[in-house]
Amino acid sequence: MANKTLLVAQREYLENIRTKTFWIGILAFPVLIGISIGAGFVLNKLKETKSYAVIDLSDAKLGKKVELQARSGDLVALARLVAKAEGHPEIPEALLEQLGPALADLAADGAQEAPTVTPEQQERLFDSLMKLPADDFDSLTAQMKSLETMRSFRSRSLADLGVADLPPAEQRSRLGQMVKQNPEELFAYFVIGAKPTQSLADFEYVSNNFTDSSLREWYGNAATRVVQTLRIADAKIPPDVAARLREEVRFAPKKADETGATADVTAADKGKGFAPVAFVYLLWIAIFTAAQMLLTNTVEEKSNRIIEVLLSSVSPLQLMAGKIWGIGATGMTLTVSWALCGIGGLWIAEQLIPGADLSAFSSVKDPLYLTSFIVYFFFGYLLYAAILVGLGSVCNSLKEAQNLLQPVFILLIVPLVSMMFIMQEPNGIVAKVLSYIPLFTPFTMMNRAAGPPELYEYVITSVLLLVSVWFAFKAAGKVFRVGVLMTGNPPKLKEILAWLREK
């Protein structure tokens, strides 16, 4: 019996891995993951520069102060380059001649790795930048990678837009028309209210793009800091007192060991906390893919009458077991290939980005996670395979099989819905309850790996899962033995329950 089961398993396995589509499917998934990770980075670089204007109604004329605050990071980066950038490839010589005098007093600090840049120096450099011709400004921001916000957001003066001499109401109307008719030329405009120390009700942001809030948040954060400083000065609060009042409470994250000693939380520690979610998702895809492959294969062979030819040489139980083990080996090939792709991708990233901290992804190579993933895939697949092969044996077409698959699919949704909650409370009551429900055990225990669960939980849930697999195989065998040769209308639930009661 074992030899015939092995022959069926070998046939199922080789029939799948010999096809080009199987290997294309294996490679397609890691390629899609790589594209999804890299696409955000690439697309962010391809974002167009957003132009904006500012109508400043404030008595103190805060517009320039807000702009300086918003650009402070770029100004410091540029100032340091100017101070030590003789012949620097990122700054054209002609621009150095225009910008250099603005920070002549930094020349003495040029040998320093990061000379200090005072607010006054930032302001002089900002004024020089604003006087640059548009082409020179665009050339500078295009070449300098450190000028992130200057590449992302560009301020347009009211004079440049031809509305400087108009009354505020007319300015709003004209700028609104530009925003509506030509957003590439003017993406949005801000209105700084008249009395920022008293009310912010008349602060406005006008744009027709309701999904991209990056410009509004960036400029708003800078305006908040400027208005806070103005209100502190207006209230005559000493700067050192104001600094203490505004200081945020930040609890430094630490981890404790068995002795109670604490240490800093590293990127690798954080990665291990989130890694189970990725592994659970991959486990779900692997189990569902392999089990559905088994269901489809069984229904197709039954509808094509191939299964009748096979049953002339092997028993129904041998055929069922061979199919399960053969497609299980196919699924294992799938998961091992994905694991190798993940390890290979991490190695390539380390070579392409030398010095980058990729420790957050080190869990990809963690033997504990990889072993747990393979073990839980194996048992999870066997459990769901037994259920689906039994369902497939009573169906005469893929349409019937898809209808019967819906209840199983609903069960499989539970681990996906709960995985973020379980990641946050790996040893909570919900996680523990789901761990002892065999249909959810593989996913939940994998999800709790960062907890980690107690050793006795691994033992009990593993024994429970093994017993469940045994019962599932026994029940599936009874259904398969009768259902695989049935034709016509699918059996009713009462008939299937009668088959299960047979000895």
Protein backbone atom coordinates (compact mmCIF):
# COMPACT_ATOMS: atom_id res chain seq x y z
CA MET A 1 0.00 0.00 0.00
CA ALA A 2 2.83 2.40 0.89
CA ASN A 3 4.53 1.83 -2.47
CA LYS A 4 1.37 2.64 -4.45
CA THR A 5 0.69 5.73 -2.32
CA LEU A 6 4.27 6.84 -2.95
CA LEU A 7 3.86 6.31 -6.69
CA VAL A 8 0.71 8.45 -6.74
CA ALA A 9 2.48 11.14 -4.69
CA GLN A 10 5.45 11.05 -7.06
CA ARG A 11 3.15 11.42 -10.06
CA GLU A 12 1.33 14.40 -8.53
CA TYR A 13 4.57 16.09 -7.54
CA LEU A 14 6.39 15.65 -10.83
CA GLU A 15 3.29 16.60 -12.81
CA ASN A 16 3.32 20.00 -11.09
CA ILE A 17 7.02 20.88 -10.86
CA ARG A 18 7.74 19.91 -14.48
CA THR A 19 5.56 22.73 -15.80
CA LYS A 20 6.98 26.15 -16.58
CA THR A 21 3.91 27.85 -15.14
CA PHE A 22 4.66 26.38 -11.69
CA TRP A 23 8.12 27.96 -11.56
CA ILE A 24 6.83 31.18 -13.06
CA GLY A 25 4.22 31.27 -10.28
CA ILE A 26 6.89 30.66 -7.61
CA LEU A 27 9.10 33.45 -8.91
CA ALA A 28 6.19 35.81 -9.54
CA PHE A 29 5.34 36.15 -5.84
CA PRO A 30 8.79 37.31 -4.57
CA VAL A 31 9.08 39.56 -7.64
CA LEU A 32 5.72 41.15 -6.76
CA ILE A 33 6.87 41.60 -3.13
CA GLY A 34 10.11 43.21 -4.35
CA ILE A 35 8.21 45.51 -6.69
CA SER A 36 5.75 46.52 -3.97
CA ILE A 37 8.63 47.37 -1.59
CA GLY A 38 10.66 49.23 -4.18
CA ALA A 39 7.76 50.90 -5.97
CA GLY A 40 6.94 53.22 -3.07
CA PHE A 41 10.55 54.38 -2.87
CA VAL A 42 10.86 54.91 -6.63
CA LEU A 43 7.46 56.55 -7.05
CA ASN A 44 8.19 58.91 -4.16
CA LYS A 45 11.30 60.06 -6.01
CA LEU A 46 9.22 60.65 -9.14
CA LYS A 47 6.74 62.94 -7.38
CA GLU A 48 6.45 66.32 -9.04
CA THR A 49 7.45 69.47 -7.16
CA LYS A 50 4.40 71.11 -5.59
CA SER A 51 4.32 74.89 -6.00
CA TYR A 52 2.52 77.03 -3.44
CA ALA A 53 1.98 80.67 -2.58
CA VAL A 54 1.33 82.44 0.74
CA ILE A 55 -1.03 85.34 1.44
CA ASP A 56 0.32 86.82 4.65
CA LEU A 57 -2.31 88.92 6.48
CA SER A 58 -0.49 88.93 9.83
CA ASP A 59 0.66 92.17 11.44
CA ALA A 60 4.07 90.63 12.18
CA LYS A 61 4.40 89.31 8.60
CA LEU A 62 5.15 85.72 9.61
CA GLY A 63 5.43 84.37 6.06
CA LYS A 64 9.22 84.57 5.86
CA LYS A 65 9.67 83.18 9.38
CA VAL A 66 7.46 80.19 8.57
CA GLU A 67 9.34 79.61 5.33
CA LEU A 68 12.68 79.75 7.15
CA GLN A 69 11.42 77.33 9.78
CA ALA A 70 10.10 74.93 7.16
CA ARG A 71 13.36 75.04 5.18
CA SER A 72 15.72 74.92 8.17
CA GLY A 73 16.84 71.35 7.54
CA ASP A 74 17.66 72.06 3.91
CA LEU A 75 19.37 75.34 4.76
CA VAL A 76 21.66 73.69 7.33
CA ALA A 77 22.57 70.90 4.89
CA LEU A 78 23.31 73.39 2.12
CA ALA A 79 25.25 75.72 4.43
CA ARG A 80 27.53 72.92 5.53
CA LEU A 81 28.18 71.96 1.94
CA VAL A 82 28.89 75.57 0.97
CA ALA A 83 31.33 75.87 3.88
CA LYS A 84 33.44 72.92 2.79
CA ALA A 85 32.38 72.35 -0.80
CA GLU A 86 35.20 73.81 -2.80
CA GLY A 87 34.78 72.02 -6.09
CA HIS A 88 31.94 69.95 -4.65
CA PRO A 89 30.34 68.02 -7.54
CA GLU A 90 26.80 68.67 -6.26
CA ILE A 91 27.10 72.46 -6.44
CA PRO A 92 27.98 74.14 -9.75
CA GLU A 93 30.84 76.62 -9.48
CA ALA A 94 28.64 79.51 -10.63
CA LEU A 95 26.19 78.86 -7.80
CA LEU A 96 29.00 78.64 -5.26
CA GLU A 97 30.06 82.13 -6.25
CA GLN A 98 26.52 83.42 -5.57
CA LEU A 99 25.87 81.49 -2.37
CA GLY A 100 29.36 81.51 -0.84
CA PRO A 101 29.42 85.16 0.29
CA ALA A 102 26.21 84.65 2.25
CA LEU A 103 28.09 82.32 4.59
CA ALA A 104 31.63 83.66 4.36
CA ASP A 105 32.06 83.38 8.14
CA LEU A 106 31.60 79.59 7.90
CA ALA A 107 34.82 79.24 5.90
CA ALA A 108 36.84 78.95 9.09
CA ASP A 109 34.72 75.97 10.08
CA GLY A 110 35.13 74.30 6.70
CA ALA A 111 37.44 71.63 8.05
CA GLN A 112 34.77 70.51 10.48
CA GLU A 113 32.62 67.59 9.52
CA ALA A 114 29.43 69.46 10.52
CA PRO A 115 30.00 73.18 11.25
CA THR A 116 27.37 74.92 13.34
CA VAL A 117 24.90 76.99 11.31
CA THR A 118 23.24 79.85 13.19
CA PRO A 119 19.72 81.15 12.44
CA GLU A 120 21.27 84.36 11.08
CA GLN A 121 23.41 82.38 8.66
CA GLN A 122 20.39 80.38 7.60
CA GLU A 123 18.49 83.60 6.91
CA ARG A 124 21.32 85.04 4.78
CA LEU A 125 21.53 81.84 2.76
CA PHE A 126 17.73 81.78 2.38
CA ASP A 127 17.76 85.35 1.01
CA SER A 128 20.50 84.37 -1.47
CA LEU A 129 18.51 81.35 -2.61
CA MET A 130 15.39 83.42 -3.16
CA LYS A 131 17.38 85.78 -5.43
CA LEU A 132 18.59 82.93 -7.66
CA PRO A 133 17.11 82.77 -11.16
CA ALA A 134 14.52 80.01 -11.51
CA ASP A 135 16.77 77.88 -13.75
CA ASP A 136 19.67 78.04 -11.28
CA PHE A 137 17.36 77.17 -8.37
CA ASP A 138 15.95 74.17 -10.26
CA SER A 139 19.47 73.07 -11.19
CA LEU A 140 20.59 73.23 -7.57
CA THR A 141 17.65 71.29 -6.13
CA ALA A 142 17.84 68.68 -8.90
CA GLN A 143 21.51 67.95 -8.21
CA MET A 144 21.52 68.01 -4.43
CA LYS A 145 19.97 64.90 -2.90
CA SER A 146 20.08 66.43 0.60
CA LEU A 147 17.58 69.18 -0.32
CA GLU A 148 14.50 67.00 0.16
CA THR A 149 11.90 69.67 0.85
CA MET A 150 13.23 72.06 -1.76
CA ARG A 151 12.79 69.33 -4.34
CA SER A 152 9.33 68.47 -3.03
CA PHE A 153 7.85 71.92 -2.34
CA ARG A 154 8.55 75.22 -4.08
CA SER A 155 7.39 78.63 -2.89
CA ARG A 156 6.04 81.05 -5.50
CA SER A 157 6.05 84.76 -4.60
CA LEU A 158 2.94 86.82 -5.13
CA ALA A 159 4.98 89.17 -7.34
CA ASP A 160 6.06 86.26 -9.53
CA LEU A 161 2.40 85.27 -9.88
CA GLY A 162 1.39 88.83 -10.73
CA VAL A 163 -0.95 89.42 -7.77
CA ALA A 164 1.29 91.26 -5.28
CA ASP A 165 -0.40 94.65 -5.75
CA LEU A 166 -3.98 93.36 -5.56
CA PRO A 167 -6.15 93.53 -2.42
CA PRO A 168 -6.33 90.26 -0.39
CA ALA A 169 -9.80 89.31 -1.65
CA GLU A 170 -8.69 89.68 -5.28
CA GLN A 171 -5.47 87.77 -4.51
CA ARG A 172 -7.50 84.85 -3.21
CA SER A 173 -9.74 84.88 -6.26
CA ARG A 174 -6.83 84.95 -8.73
CA LEU A 175 -4.83 82.29 -6.88
CA GLY A 176 -7.94 80.12 -6.59
CA GLN A 177 -8.37 80.28 -10.36
CA MET A 178 -4.75 79.19 -10.84
CA VAL A 179 -5.18 76.29 -8.41
CA LYS A 180 -8.30 75.18 -10.25
CA GLN A 181 -7.12 75.67 -13.83
CA ASN A 182 -3.40 74.91 -13.62
CA PRO A 183 -2.42 72.88 -10.52
CA GLU A 184 0.97 72.07 -12.08
CA GLU A 185 1.77 75.78 -11.94
CA LEU A 186 0.20 76.38 -8.50
CA PHE A 187 -0.75 73.34 -6.42
CA ALA A 188 -2.11 75.28 -3.42
CA TYR A 189 -1.95 78.51 -1.48
CA PHE A 190 -1.90 79.33 2.25
CA VAL A 191 -3.53 82.21 4.08
CA ILE A 192 -1.78 83.32 7.29
CA GLY A 193 -4.35 84.97 9.54
CA ALA A 194 -4.28 88.53 10.80
CA LYS A 195 -3.96 87.87 14.57
CA PRO A 196 -2.08 84.56 15.09
CA THR A 197 -1.46 85.27 18.77
CA GLN A 198 -5.22 85.47 19.38
CA SER A 199 -6.93 83.15 16.88
CA LEU A 200 -6.14 80.68 14.13
CA ALA A 201 -9.66 80.64 12.69
CA ASP A 202 -8.65 82.59 9.57
CA PHE A 203 -5.69 80.34 8.66
CA GLU A 204 -6.56 78.56 5.41
CA TYR A 205 -5.13 76.03 2.94
CA VAL A 206 -6.68 76.07 -0.55
CA SER A 207 -6.14 73.17 -2.94
CA ASN A 208 -8.21 70.92 -5.14
CA ASN A 209 -6.18 67.83 -4.22
CA PHE A 210 -7.89 66.24 -1.19
CA THR A 211 -5.72 63.10 -0.94
CA ASP A 212 -2.14 64.39 -0.75
CA SER A 213 -1.77 66.26 2.55
CA SER A 214 2.06 66.30 2.62
CA LEU A 215 2.39 70.01 1.72
CA ARG A 216 -0.27 71.11 4.21
CA GLU A 217 1.26 69.09 7.06
CA TRP A 218 4.84 70.17 6.29
CA TYR A 219 4.03 73.88 6.14
CA GLY A 220 1.53 73.63 9.00
CA ASN A 221 4.12 72.09 11.34
CA ALA A 222 6.51 74.96 10.60
CA ALA A 223 3.75 77.55 11.09
CA THR A 224 2.84 75.93 14.42
CA ARG A 225 6.37 76.35 15.75
CA VAL A 226 6.54 79.99 14.63
CA VAL A 227 3.15 80.87 16.13
CA GLN A 228 4.05 79.13 19.39
CA THR A 229 7.26 81.17 19.62
CA LEU A 230 5.30 84.36 18.91
CA ARG A 231 2.71 83.61 21.59
CA ILE A 232 5.42 82.74 24.13
CA ALA A 233 7.12 86.06 23.45
CA ASP A 234 3.78 87.89 23.62
CA ALA A 235 3.09 86.29 27.00
CA LYS A 236 6.58 87.34 28.19
CA ILE A 237 7.48 83.77 29.18
CA PRO A 238 11.29 83.32 29.46
CA PRO A 239 12.67 81.19 26.62
CA ASP A 240 14.15 78.56 28.96
CA VAL A 241 10.78 78.17 30.73
CA ALA A 242 8.99 77.93 27.39
CA ALA A 243 11.44 75.27 26.22
CA ARG A 244 10.72 73.18 29.32
CA LEU A 245 6.97 73.62 28.89
CA ARG A 246 7.08 72.51 25.25
CA GLU A 247 9.40 69.58 25.85
CA GLU A 248 7.74 66.30 24.92
CA VAL A 249 7.89 63.28 27.20
CA ARG A 250 9.64 60.50 25.29
CA PHE A 251 10.04 57.17 27.06
CA ALA A 252 13.17 55.44 25.80
CA PRO A 253 12.22 51.87 24.78
CA LYS A 254 14.21 49.21 26.65
CA LYS A 255 14.10 45.43 26.89
CA ALA A 256 14.70 43.28 29.95
CA ASP A 257 16.57 39.97 30.16
CA GLU A 258 16.19 37.06 32.59
CA THR A 259 18.30 38.85 35.23
CA GLY A 260 16.17 41.99 35.06
CA ALA A 261 18.90 44.03 33.39
CA THR A 262 17.77 46.39 30.63
CA ALA A 263 19.23 47.18 27.21
CA ASP A 264 18.33 49.33 24.22
CA VAL A 265 15.73 48.02 21.76
CA THR A 266 17.39 47.52 18.37
CA ALA A 267 15.94 47.49 14.86
CA ALA A 268 16.38 43.71 14.88
CA ASP A 269 14.22 43.45 18.03
CA LYS A 270 11.48 45.51 16.39
CA GLY A 271 11.75 43.44 13.23
CA LYS A 272 11.27 40.24 15.20
CA GLY A 273 8.12 41.69 16.72
CA PHE A 274 6.58 42.36 13.31
CA ALA A 275 8.07 39.36 11.47
CA PRO A 276 5.33 36.90 12.57
CA VAL A 277 2.71 38.94 10.69
CA ALA A 278 4.65 38.54 7.44
CA PHE A 279 5.19 34.84 8.12
CA VAL A 280 1.50 34.30 8.93
CA TYR A 281 0.49 35.99 5.70
CA LEU A 282 2.90 33.81 3.71
CA LEU A 283 1.73 30.73 5.61
CA TRP A 284 -1.88 31.57 4.75
CA ILE A 285 -1.04 31.99 1.06
CA ALA A 286 1.03 28.79 0.98
CA ILE A 287 -1.63 26.63 2.69
CA PHE A 288 -4.50 28.09 0.72
CA THR A 289 -2.61 27.77 -2.59
CA ALA A 290 -1.57 24.15 -2.00
CA ALA A 291 -4.95 23.05 -0.63
CA GLN A 292 -6.85 24.72 -3.46
CA MET A 293 -4.44 23.11 -5.94
CA LEU A 294 -5.40 19.74 -4.45
CA LEU A 295 -9.12 20.54 -4.67
CA THR A 296 -8.87 21.68 -8.30
CA ASN A 297 -6.76 18.67 -9.27
CA THR A 298 -9.24 16.22 -7.70
CA VAL A 299 -12.28 17.81 -9.36
CA GLU A 300 -10.61 17.98 -12.79
CA GLU A 301 -9.53 14.33 -12.72
CA LYS A 302 -12.99 13.26 -11.57
CA SER A 303 -14.79 15.29 -14.26
CA ASN A 304 -12.42 13.99 -16.96
CA ARG A 305 -12.88 10.36 -15.80
CA ILE A 306 -9.08 10.06 -15.29
CA ILE A 307 -9.73 9.12 -11.69
CA GLU A 308 -11.56 5.97 -12.78
CA VAL A 309 -8.45 4.82 -14.64
CA LEU A 310 -6.30 5.49 -11.58
CA LEU A 311 -8.70 3.56 -9.32
CA SER A 312 -8.24 0.49 -11.48
CA SER A 313 -4.66 0.29 -10.13
CA VAL A 314 -4.89 1.77 -6.62
CA SER A 315 -7.47 1.90 -3.85
CA PRO A 316 -9.39 5.14 -3.09
CA LEU A 317 -7.46 5.60 0.17
CA GLN A 318 -4.11 5.12 -1.59
CA LEU A 319 -5.13 7.61 -4.25
CA MET A 320 -6.28 10.17 -1.69
CA ALA A 321 -3.16 9.84 0.46
CA GLY A 322 -0.88 9.98 -2.60
CA LYS A 323 -2.58 13.14 -3.84
CA ILE A 324 -2.28 14.82 -0.45
CA TRP A 325 1.40 13.94 -0.01
CA GLY A 326 2.29 14.77 -3.61
CA ILE A 327 0.69 18.19 -3.60
CA GLY A 328 2.01 18.72 -0.06
CA ALA A 329 5.53 18.20 -1.43
CA THR A 330 4.69 20.71 -4.16
CA GLY A 331 3.60 23.22 -1.51
CA MET A 332 6.78 22.56 0.48
CA THR A 333 8.82 23.25 -2.65
CA LEU A 334 6.87 26.49 -2.95
CA THR A 335 7.63 27.60 0.63
CA VAL A 336 11.31 26.59 0.52
CA SER A 337 11.71 28.50 -2.76
CA TRP A 338 10.14 31.60 -1.18
CA ALA A 339 12.44 31.29 1.84
CA LEU A 340 15.49 31.08 -0.42
CA CYS A 341 14.25 34.08 -2.41
CA GLY A 342 13.85 36.04 0.85
CA ILE A 343 17.36 35.18 2.03
CA GLY A 344 18.77 35.91 -1.41
CA GLY A 345 16.94 39.22 -1.61
CA LEU A 346 18.33 40.27 1.77
CA TRP A 347 21.86 39.34 0.67
CA ILE A 348 21.47 41.35 -2.56
CA ALA A 349 20.17 44.35 -0.58
CA GLU A 350 23.20 44.16 1.72
CA GLN A 351 25.52 44.18 -1.32
CA LEU A 352 23.70 47.00 -3.13
CA ILE A 353 23.32 49.22 -0.04
CA PRO A 354 26.58 48.88 1.89
CA GLY A 355 26.39 50.17 5.44
CA ALA A 356 22.58 50.13 5.49
CA ASP A 357 21.00 48.81 8.68
CA LEU A 358 18.93 45.86 7.48
CA SER A 359 18.84 44.15 10.86
CA ALA A 360 15.06 44.67 10.99
CA PHE A 361 14.81 42.04 8.23
CA SER A 362 17.15 39.56 9.91
CA SER A 363 14.16 37.40 10.91
CA VAL A 364 14.07 36.19 7.29
CA LYS A 365 17.18 34.16 8.17
CA ASP A 366 16.10 33.24 11.72
CA PRO A 367 16.18 29.40 11.99
CA LEU A 368 13.41 29.46 14.65
CA TYR A 369 10.98 31.32 12.39
CA LEU A 370 11.91 29.32 9.29
CA THR A 371 11.55 25.98 11.12
CA SER A 372 8.25 27.04 12.70
CA PHE A 373 6.99 28.18 9.32
CA ILE A 374 7.79 24.85 7.64
CA VAL A 375 6.35 22.78 10.51
CA TYR A 376 3.12 24.77 10.71
CA PHE A 377 2.79 24.77 6.95
CA PHE A 378 3.11 20.98 6.96
CA PHE A 379 0.43 20.38 9.62
CA GLY A 380 -1.84 23.20 8.49
CA TYR A 381 -1.73 21.94 4.93
CA LEU A 382 -2.52 18.36 5.95
CA LEU A 383 -5.55 19.51 7.94
CA TYR A 384 -7.01 21.71 5.23
CA ALA A 385 -6.00 19.27 2.49
CA ALA A 386 -8.03 16.50 4.13
CA ILE A 387 -11.06 18.81 4.29
CA LEU A 388 -10.74 20.00 0.68
CA VAL A 389 -9.96 16.63 -0.85
CA GLY A 390 -13.14 15.32 0.76
CA LEU A 391 -15.10 18.27 -0.67
CA GLY A 392 -13.51 17.80 -4.08
CA SER A 393 -14.43 14.15 -4.22
CA VAL A 394 -18.19 14.91 -4.08
CA CYS A 395 -18.07 17.65 -6.73
CA ASN A 396 -18.46 17.07 -10.46
CA SER A 397 -17.30 20.50 -11.63
CA LEU A 398 -15.13 23.40 -10.50
CA LYS A 399 -18.25 25.54 -10.13
CA GLU A 400 -19.67 23.16 -7.51
CA ALA A 401 -16.28 23.05 -5.78
CA GLN A 402 -16.07 26.85 -5.60
CA ASN A 403 -19.49 27.00 -3.92
CA LEU A 404 -18.44 24.46 -1.30
CA LEU A 405 -15.15 26.28 -0.80
CA GLN A 406 -16.83 29.43 0.54
CA PRO A 407 -17.36 28.14 4.14
CA VAL A 408 -13.71 27.01 4.28
CA PHE A 409 -12.60 30.39 2.96
CA ILE A 410 -14.61 32.14 5.70
CA LEU A 411 -12.74 30.07 8.30
CA LEU A 412 -9.42 31.03 6.71
CA ILE A 413 -10.28 34.72 6.96
CA VAL A 414 -10.25 34.59 10.79
CA PRO A 415 -6.42 34.31 11.10
CA LEU A 416 -5.96 37.27 8.73
CA VAL A 417 -8.46 39.46 10.57
CA SER A 418 -6.95 38.70 13.98
CA MET A 419 -3.23 38.63 13.16
CA MET A 420 -2.49 42.30 13.99
CA PHE A 421 -4.37 41.99 17.29
CA ILE A 422 -2.50 38.79 18.17
CA MET A 423 0.82 40.38 17.27
CA GLN A 424 0.13 43.11 19.83
CA GLU A 425 -1.05 40.64 22.50
CA PRO A 426 0.73 37.35 21.66
CA ASN A 427 -0.01 35.90 25.10
CA GLY A 428 -3.46 37.43 25.56
CA ILE A 429 -6.69 35.49 26.07
CA VAL A 430 -7.77 35.77 22.40
CA ALA A 431 -4.44 34.44 21.17
CA LYS A 432 -4.52 31.54 23.61
CA VAL A 433 -8.10 30.57 22.76
CA LEU A 434 -7.43 30.58 19.00
CA SER A 435 -4.27 28.54 19.57
CA TYR A 436 -6.40 25.62 20.82
CA ILE A 437 -8.78 25.65 17.84
CA PRO A 438 -7.07 23.24 15.39
CA LEU A 439 -8.22 25.07 12.24
CA PHE A 440 -6.49 28.23 13.51
CA THR A 441 -3.60 26.66 15.45
CA PRO A 442 -0.90 26.87 12.71
CA PHE A 443 -1.55 30.55 12.01
CA THR A 444 -2.04 31.64 15.63
CA MET A 445 1.03 29.84 16.99
CA MET A 446 3.14 31.24 14.15
CA ASN A 447 1.75 34.68 14.93
CA ARG A 448 2.68 34.31 18.60
CA ALA A 449 6.29 33.36 17.86
CA ALA A 450 7.58 36.77 19.00
CA GLY A 451 5.85 36.31 22.40
CA PRO A 452 6.92 33.58 22.64
CA PRO A 453 4.35 31.06 23.97
CA GLU A 454 5.28 28.74 26.82
CA LEU A 455 6.78 25.38 25.93
CA TYR A 456 3.74 23.50 27.24
CA GLU A 457 1.53 25.46 24.82
CA TYR A 458 3.64 24.28 21.90
CA VAL A 459 3.34 20.69 23.14
CA ILE A 460 -0.42 20.75 23.78
CA THR A 461 -1.33 22.55 20.56
CA SER A 462 0.95 20.27 18.51
CA VAL A 463 -0.67 17.14 19.99
CA LEU A 464 -4.12 18.62 19.42
CA LEU A 465 -3.21 19.46 15.81
CA LEU A 466 -1.86 15.95 15.19
CA VAL A 467 -5.04 14.36 16.54
CA SER A 468 -7.14 16.70 14.40
CA VAL A 469 -5.16 15.79 11.28
CA TRP A 470 -5.68 12.08 12.04
CA PHE A 471 -9.46 12.55 12.44
CA ALA A 472 -9.60 14.72 9.32
CA PHE A 473 -7.79 12.06 7.27
CA LYS A 474 -10.09 9.35 8.57
CA ALA A 475 -13.23 11.36 7.79
CA ALA A 476 -11.93 12.47 4.39
CA GLY A 477 -11.11 8.86 3.52
CA LYS A 478 -14.70 7.76 4.15
CA VAL A 479 -16.10 10.59 2.01
CA PHE A 480 -13.49 10.17 -0.73
CA ARG A 481 -14.06 6.42 -1.00
CA VAL A 482 -17.73 6.90 -1.93
CA GLY A 483 -17.82 10.38 -3.42
CA VAL A 484 -14.98 10.01 -5.91
CA LEU A 485 -16.99 7.57 -8.04
CA MET A 486 -20.33 9.38 -7.78
CA THR A 487 -21.76 11.21 -10.76
CA GLY A 488 -24.82 13.37 -11.25
CA ASN A 489 -26.10 15.69 -8.55
CA PRO A 490 -23.78 16.18 -5.57
CA PRO A 491 -24.81 14.33 -2.39
CA LYS A 492 -26.80 16.08 0.30
CA LEU A 493 -25.36 16.82 3.72
CA LYS A 494 -27.45 14.00 5.27
CA GLU A 495 -25.82 11.47 2.91
CA ILE A 496 -22.31 12.73 3.67
CA LEU A 497 -22.95 12.44 7.42
CA ALA A 498 -24.16 8.87 6.84
CA TRP A 499 -20.87 8.04 5.08
CA LEU A 500 -18.93 9.43 8.06
CA ARG A 501 -20.83 7.18 10.48
CA GLU A 502 -19.92 4.06 8.50
CA LYS A 503 -17.14 1.92 9.90
